[in-house]
């Protein structure tokens, strides 16, 4: 995505930048726990649509004064709509659908390899080459994912984990689309139009909502449903985009490796579930593999993908 500094000017680097960025990572990591709680009270489709409505209202109210409709060719509009369908609608729906049966920790570990998958997809799209260090890191990360699904006697990779893989793939494709779209529209246009396109794509499926569960859910759950969407995908994203340029994308992205550990801590404290040793070791392997693969001294033309 385009560097948002040109649209939301940030102040000079300050000592609290890293704690602020870490808070954003904690919020994103807690989304796995919140999602697991929500799927116990709502169906995945309703969660996705209601959160997208809340996110769209928040984003349009906050950023509409900075927004102007892009004058771009039809091809660009088709990619914008595709980014909303793939990166917003399908991505968020499969996330909650997968959490119905997949554990938050395993889901977080699978999604942690998204940067590597994005880099792999840039090979045919942008014609980039990847060195031995990248492939060693990728192998290490995927080994970590496999280990995280091992319960001590067998692999427990079920339907939920498979759906979370789709979530990870749609996010990787979304990053590729963002890279291309950043040459034609700015970050505000992309954010607002992609979220709006994703919501419009889901609205025709309203009959699929479980209205019985919606009616029986308590108001605290409704509040959690709407506020979590605004905070996780709205406020924290804008704070990250404002603070990240002060320390650089490479330094800030290292903090994002903490998401699986936030999910582990939340699983233990909030959900009362135990964290397996294999999950901890898998997280270490994934983080080591992602760091080895993605963080390179020589910047390439698609480094902005990881920014």
Protein backbone atom coordinates (compact mmCIF):
# COMPACT_ATOMS: atom_id res chain seq x y z
CA UNK A 1 0.00 0.00 0.00
CA UNK A 2 1.19 3.52 -0.66
CA UNK A 3 3.07 5.29 2.07
CA UNK A 4 0.33 7.12 3.96
CA UNK A 5 2.64 9.88 5.18
CA UNK A 6 1.55 12.11 2.30
CA UNK A 7 -2.07 11.89 3.43
CA UNK A 8 -1.85 11.82 7.22
CA UNK A 9 1.30 13.79 8.15
CA UNK A 10 3.08 12.37 11.18
CA UNK A 11 5.30 14.09 13.70
CA UNK A 12 8.97 13.33 14.21
CA UNK A 13 10.09 10.08 15.77
CA UNK A 14 9.39 9.90 19.50
CA UNK A 15 10.19 7.44 22.26
CA UNK A 16 6.62 6.13 22.48
CA UNK A 17 6.42 5.06 18.84
CA UNK A 18 7.45 1.46 19.55
CA UNK A 19 4.98 1.01 22.45
CA UNK A 20 2.22 2.40 20.23
CA UNK A 21 3.12 0.01 17.42
CA UNK A 22 3.28 -2.86 19.91
CA UNK A 23 -0.21 -1.94 21.11
CA UNK A 24 -1.46 -2.24 17.52
CA UNK A 25 0.12 -5.70 17.26
CA UNK A 26 -1.54 -6.73 20.54
CA UNK A 27 -4.91 -5.56 19.18
CA UNK A 28 -4.40 -7.52 15.95
CA UNK A 29 -3.29 -10.60 17.88
CA UNK A 30 -6.34 -10.34 20.13
CA UNK A 31 -8.56 -10.48 17.03
CA UNK A 32 -8.04 -14.26 16.97
CA UNK A 33 -9.41 -14.51 20.51
CA UNK A 34 -12.26 -12.10 19.82
CA UNK A 35 -13.13 -14.02 16.66
CA UNK A 36 -13.25 -17.29 18.58
CA UNK A 37 -15.63 -15.72 21.12
CA UNK A 38 -17.84 -14.23 18.41
CA UNK A 39 -18.30 -17.47 16.47
CA UNK A 40 -19.81 -18.97 19.61
CA UNK A 41 -22.62 -16.37 19.48
CA UNK A 42 -23.01 -15.46 15.79
CA UNK A 43 -22.65 -17.24 12.49
CA UNK A 44 -19.52 -16.35 10.43
CA UNK A 45 -21.49 -14.59 7.70
CA UNK A 46 -23.30 -12.28 10.12
CA UNK A 47 -20.05 -11.45 11.90
CA UNK A 48 -18.39 -10.52 8.62
CA UNK A 49 -21.24 -8.35 7.33
CA UNK A 50 -21.96 -6.53 10.59
CA UNK A 51 -18.28 -5.79 11.18
CA UNK A 52 -17.88 -4.56 7.63
CA UNK A 53 -20.86 -2.23 8.06
CA UNK A 54 -19.30 -0.83 11.24
CA UNK A 55 -15.87 -0.53 9.59
CA UNK A 56 -17.27 1.21 6.51
CA UNK A 57 -19.26 3.70 8.58
CA UNK A 58 -16.21 4.52 10.67
CA UNK A 59 -13.83 4.84 7.72
CA UNK A 60 -16.18 6.99 5.65
CA UNK A 61 -16.97 9.28 8.58
CA UNK A 62 -13.29 9.68 9.43
CA UNK A 63 -11.66 9.83 5.99
CA UNK A 64 -14.37 11.09 3.65
CA UNK A 65 -12.97 14.64 3.79
CA UNK A 66 -9.67 13.30 2.44
CA UNK A 67 -11.34 11.19 -0.25
CA UNK A 68 -11.97 12.04 -3.89
CA UNK A 69 -13.22 9.59 -6.50
CA UNK A 70 -10.33 8.34 -8.64
CA UNK A 71 -10.46 9.01 -12.37
CA UNK A 72 -8.96 5.75 -13.59
CA UNK A 73 -9.55 3.30 -16.46
CA UNK A 74 -12.07 0.47 -16.22
CA UNK A 75 -9.23 -2.02 -15.71
CA UNK A 76 -8.23 -0.29 -12.49
CA UNK A 77 -11.83 -0.30 -11.25
CA UNK A 78 -12.04 -4.03 -11.90
CA UNK A 79 -8.91 -4.60 -9.82
CA UNK A 80 -10.29 -2.36 -7.04
CA UNK A 81 -13.50 -4.40 -6.94
CA UNK A 82 -11.50 -7.64 -7.05
CA UNK A 83 -9.38 -6.47 -4.12
CA UNK A 84 -12.55 -5.85 -2.11
CA UNK A 85 -14.01 -9.25 -2.95
CA UNK A 86 -10.82 -11.25 -2.39
CA UNK A 87 -8.98 -9.26 0.26
CA UNK A 88 -11.97 -8.05 2.30
CA UNK A 89 -15.09 -10.17 1.78
CA UNK A 90 -13.60 -13.64 1.23
CA UNK A 91 -10.66 -13.00 3.55
CA UNK A 92 -12.76 -11.96 6.53
CA UNK A 93 -15.52 -14.52 5.97
CA UNK A 94 -13.08 -17.44 5.76
CA UNK A 95 -11.27 -16.11 8.84
CA UNK A 96 -14.38 -16.43 11.01
CA UNK A 97 -15.54 -19.60 9.28
CA UNK A 98 -12.18 -21.24 10.00
CA UNK A 99 -12.25 -20.17 13.65
CA UNK A 100 -15.41 -22.21 14.18
CA UNK A 101 -13.25 -25.34 14.44
CA UNK A 102 -9.61 -24.15 14.23
CA UNK A 103 -7.79 -22.93 17.32
CA UNK A 104 -6.79 -19.24 17.52
CA UNK A 105 -3.13 -20.18 17.99
CA UNK A 106 -2.95 -22.42 14.94
CA UNK A 107 -4.82 -19.81 12.91
CA UNK A 108 -2.37 -17.10 13.95
CA UNK A 109 0.59 -19.30 13.04
CA UNK A 110 -0.84 -20.12 9.60
CA UNK A 111 -1.49 -16.45 8.87
CA UNK A 112 2.02 -15.59 10.04
CA UNK A 113 3.46 -17.12 6.86
CA UNK A 114 1.47 -14.71 4.67
CA UNK A 115 4.54 -12.52 3.94
CA UNK A 116 6.37 -15.55 2.54
CA UNK A 117 3.39 -16.60 0.44
CA UNK A 118 3.11 -13.02 -0.86
CA UNK A 119 6.77 -13.10 -1.85
CA UNK A 120 6.29 -16.44 -3.61
CA UNK A 121 3.37 -15.01 -5.60
CA UNK A 122 5.51 -12.07 -6.74
CA UNK A 123 7.78 -14.49 -8.61
CA UNK A 124 5.35 -15.09 -11.52
CA UNK A 125 3.63 -11.69 -11.17
CA UNK A 126 6.66 -9.41 -11.04
CA UNK A 127 9.28 -11.80 -12.41
CA UNK A 128 11.43 -11.60 -9.30
CA UNK A 129 14.01 -14.17 -8.29
CA UNK A 130 14.42 -15.59 -4.81
CA UNK A 131 17.71 -16.73 -3.38
CA UNK A 132 18.65 -19.72 -1.29
CA UNK A 133 18.15 -17.83 1.97
CA UNK A 134 14.54 -17.07 1.06
CA UNK A 135 13.70 -20.70 0.28
CA UNK A 136 15.44 -21.93 3.43
CA UNK A 137 13.38 -19.46 5.46
CA UNK A 138 10.21 -20.52 3.66
CA UNK A 139 10.94 -24.18 4.37
CA UNK A 140 11.57 -23.34 8.01
CA UNK A 141 8.30 -21.40 8.30
CA UNK A 142 6.17 -24.09 6.66
CA UNK A 143 7.82 -26.69 8.89
CA UNK A 144 6.75 -24.54 11.83
CA UNK A 145 3.14 -24.56 10.61
CA UNK A 146 3.20 -28.35 10.30
CA UNK A 147 4.67 -28.71 13.78
CA UNK A 148 2.05 -26.39 15.27
CA UNK A 149 -0.71 -28.78 14.12
CA UNK A 150 0.97 -31.78 15.78
CA UNK A 151 -0.75 -32.78 19.04
CA UNK A 152 1.93 -35.23 20.14
CA UNK A 153 0.70 -38.25 18.23
CA UNK A 154 -0.59 -37.04 14.84
CA UNK A 155 -1.19 -33.98 12.69
CA UNK A 156 -4.52 -32.31 13.45
CA UNK A 157 -4.90 -30.34 10.24
CA UNK A 158 -8.66 -30.33 9.70
CA UNK A 159 -11.28 -28.37 7.78
CA UNK A 160 -10.93 -25.27 9.94
CA UNK A 161 -7.17 -25.09 9.38
CA UNK A 162 -7.70 -25.61 5.66
CA UNK A 163 -10.12 -22.66 5.57
CA UNK A 164 -7.59 -20.51 7.44
CA UNK A 165 -5.08 -21.37 4.70
CA UNK A 166 -7.56 -19.83 2.25
CA UNK A 167 -7.64 -16.75 4.49
CA UNK A 168 -3.86 -16.56 4.30
CA UNK A 169 -3.84 -17.00 0.51
CA UNK A 170 -6.48 -14.31 -0.03
CA UNK A 171 -4.44 -11.93 2.11
CA UNK A 172 -1.32 -12.68 0.05
CA UNK A 173 -3.25 -12.04 -3.18
CA UNK A 174 -4.62 -8.84 -1.65
CA UNK A 175 -1.05 -7.63 -1.06
CA UNK A 176 -0.24 -8.24 -4.72
CA UNK A 177 -3.32 -6.27 -5.80
CA UNK A 178 -2.39 -3.46 -3.42
CA UNK A 179 1.08 -3.31 -4.93
CA UNK A 180 -0.41 -2.87 -8.40
CA UNK A 181 -3.16 -0.47 -7.33
CA UNK A 182 -0.73 1.76 -5.42
CA UNK A 183 0.53 2.93 -8.82
CA UNK A 184 -2.93 4.25 -9.71
CA UNK A 185 -4.76 5.33 -6.53
CA UNK A 186 -3.76 6.50 -3.06
CA UNK A 187 -4.10 4.64 0.23
CA UNK A 188 -7.32 6.38 1.30
CA UNK A 189 -9.06 5.61 -1.99
CA UNK A 190 -7.91 2.00 -1.85
CA UNK A 191 -8.96 1.50 1.78
CA UNK A 192 -12.43 3.00 1.42
CA UNK A 193 -13.28 1.54 -1.99
CA UNK A 194 -12.01 -1.97 -1.24
CA UNK A 195 -13.94 -2.17 2.04
CA UNK A 196 -17.08 -0.82 0.38
CA UNK A 197 -16.72 -3.28 -2.53
CA UNK A 198 -16.30 -6.16 -0.09
CA UNK A 199 -19.47 -5.19 1.77
CA UNK A 200 -21.50 -4.82 -1.42
CA UNK A 201 -20.36 -8.27 -2.55
CA UNK A 202 -21.66 -9.88 0.64
CA UNK A 203 -25.04 -8.12 0.87
CA UNK A 204 -26.85 -10.33 -1.71
CA UNK A 205 -26.20 -13.32 0.59
CA UNK A 206 -28.21 -11.84 3.49
CA UNK A 207 -30.65 -14.81 3.52
CA UNK A 208 -27.69 -16.95 4.63
CA UNK A 209 -27.51 -15.13 7.97
CA UNK A 210 -28.59 -17.04 11.05
CA UNK A 211 -31.28 -14.67 12.31
CA UNK A 212 -32.10 -16.92 15.23
CA UNK A 213 -28.62 -16.53 16.69
CA UNK A 214 -28.67 -12.80 15.94
CA UNK A 215 -31.91 -12.39 17.91
CA UNK A 216 -30.69 -14.45 20.88
CA UNK A 217 -27.31 -12.73 21.25
CA UNK A 218 -26.88 -10.35 24.16
CA UNK A 219 -26.03 -6.67 23.80
CA UNK A 220 -22.46 -7.11 25.15
CA UNK A 221 -21.79 -9.51 22.28
CA UNK A 222 -23.28 -7.05 19.80
CA UNK A 223 -21.09 -4.32 21.24
CA UNK A 224 -18.02 -6.53 21.01
CA UNK A 225 -18.92 -7.43 17.44
CA UNK A 226 -19.14 -3.83 16.23
CA UNK A 227 -16.42 -2.21 18.33
CA UNK A 228 -13.90 -4.95 17.59
CA UNK A 229 -14.27 -4.33 13.87
CA UNK A 230 -13.78 -0.57 14.26
CA UNK A 231 -10.83 -0.90 16.63
CA UNK A 232 -9.04 -3.81 14.91
CA UNK A 233 -9.52 -2.79 11.27
CA UNK A 234 -10.11 0.94 11.63
CA UNK A 235 -8.39 2.74 14.49
CA UNK A 236 -5.38 0.42 14.91
CA UNK A 237 -4.69 0.39 11.16
CA UNK A 238 -4.68 4.19 11.01
CA UNK A 239 -2.46 4.46 14.08
CA UNK A 240 -0.05 1.93 12.56
CA UNK A 241 0.04 3.79 9.24
CA UNK A 242 0.79 7.03 11.08
CA UNK A 243 3.48 5.72 13.43
CA UNK A 244 5.20 3.09 11.26
CA UNK A 245 7.11 5.55 9.00
CA UNK A 246 8.84 7.01 12.08
CA UNK A 247 10.79 3.79 12.69
CA UNK A 248 10.76 2.25 9.21
CA UNK A 249 8.83 -0.66 7.79
CA UNK A 250 11.56 -3.23 8.47
CA UNK A 251 11.75 -2.42 12.20
CA UNK A 252 7.99 -2.16 12.56
CA UNK A 253 7.36 -5.45 10.77
CA UNK A 254 9.53 -7.26 13.32
CA UNK A 255 6.96 -6.34 15.95
CA UNK A 256 4.26 -8.03 13.88
CA UNK A 257 5.98 -11.34 14.55
CA UNK A 258 4.59 -11.05 18.08
CA UNK A 259 1.01 -11.71 16.90
CA UNK A 260 1.16 -15.52 17.37
CA UNK A 261 2.44 -15.07 20.92
CA UNK A 262 -0.37 -12.61 21.69
CA UNK A 263 -2.81 -15.26 20.42
CA UNK A 264 -1.14 -17.87 22.64
CA UNK A 265 -1.37 -15.66 25.72
CA UNK A 266 -4.99 -14.75 24.97
CA UNK A 267 -5.90 -18.40 24.43
CA UNK A 268 -4.53 -19.28 27.85
CA UNK A 269 -5.88 -16.28 29.78
CA UNK A 270 -9.23 -15.62 28.08
CA UNK A 271 -10.30 -18.96 26.63
CA UNK A 272 -8.67 -21.09 29.31
CA UNK A 273 -7.09 -23.41 26.74
CA UNK A 274 -3.62 -24.84 27.11
CA UNK A 275 -0.86 -23.99 24.65
CA UNK A 276 1.09 -26.98 23.35
CA UNK A 277 4.87 -27.06 23.32
CA UNK A 278 4.72 -27.88 19.63
CA UNK A 279 2.80 -24.64 19.03
CA UNK A 280 5.47 -22.61 20.81
CA UNK A 281 8.28 -24.30 18.88
CA UNK A 282 6.28 -23.91 15.67
CA UNK A 283 5.87 -20.19 16.35
CA UNK A 284 9.61 -19.80 16.84
CA UNK A 285 10.32 -21.65 13.58
CA UNK A 286 7.77 -19.55 11.67
CA UNK A 287 9.09 -16.25 13.00
CA UNK A 288 12.66 -17.31 12.29
CA UNK A 289 11.73 -18.43 8.78
CA UNK A 290 9.80 -15.26 7.96
CA UNK A 291 12.63 -13.07 9.27
CA UNK A 292 15.21 -15.02 7.28
CA UNK A 293 13.17 -14.93 4.07
CA UNK A 294 11.77 -11.41 4.04
CA UNK A 295 14.32 -9.15 5.70
CA UNK A 296 17.08 -8.56 3.21
CA UNK A 297 19.70 -5.85 2.99
CA UNK A 298 19.14 -5.20 -0.70
CA UNK A 299 15.75 -3.62 -1.37
CA UNK A 300 13.84 -4.95 -4.36
CA UNK A 301 11.11 -3.32 -6.39
CA UNK A 302 8.37 -5.05 -4.40
CA UNK A 303 9.68 -4.25 -0.92
CA UNK A 304 6.67 -1.96 -0.58
CA UNK A 305 4.59 -5.12 -0.32
CA UNK A 306 5.96 -5.74 3.12
CA UNK A 307 5.68 -2.06 4.06
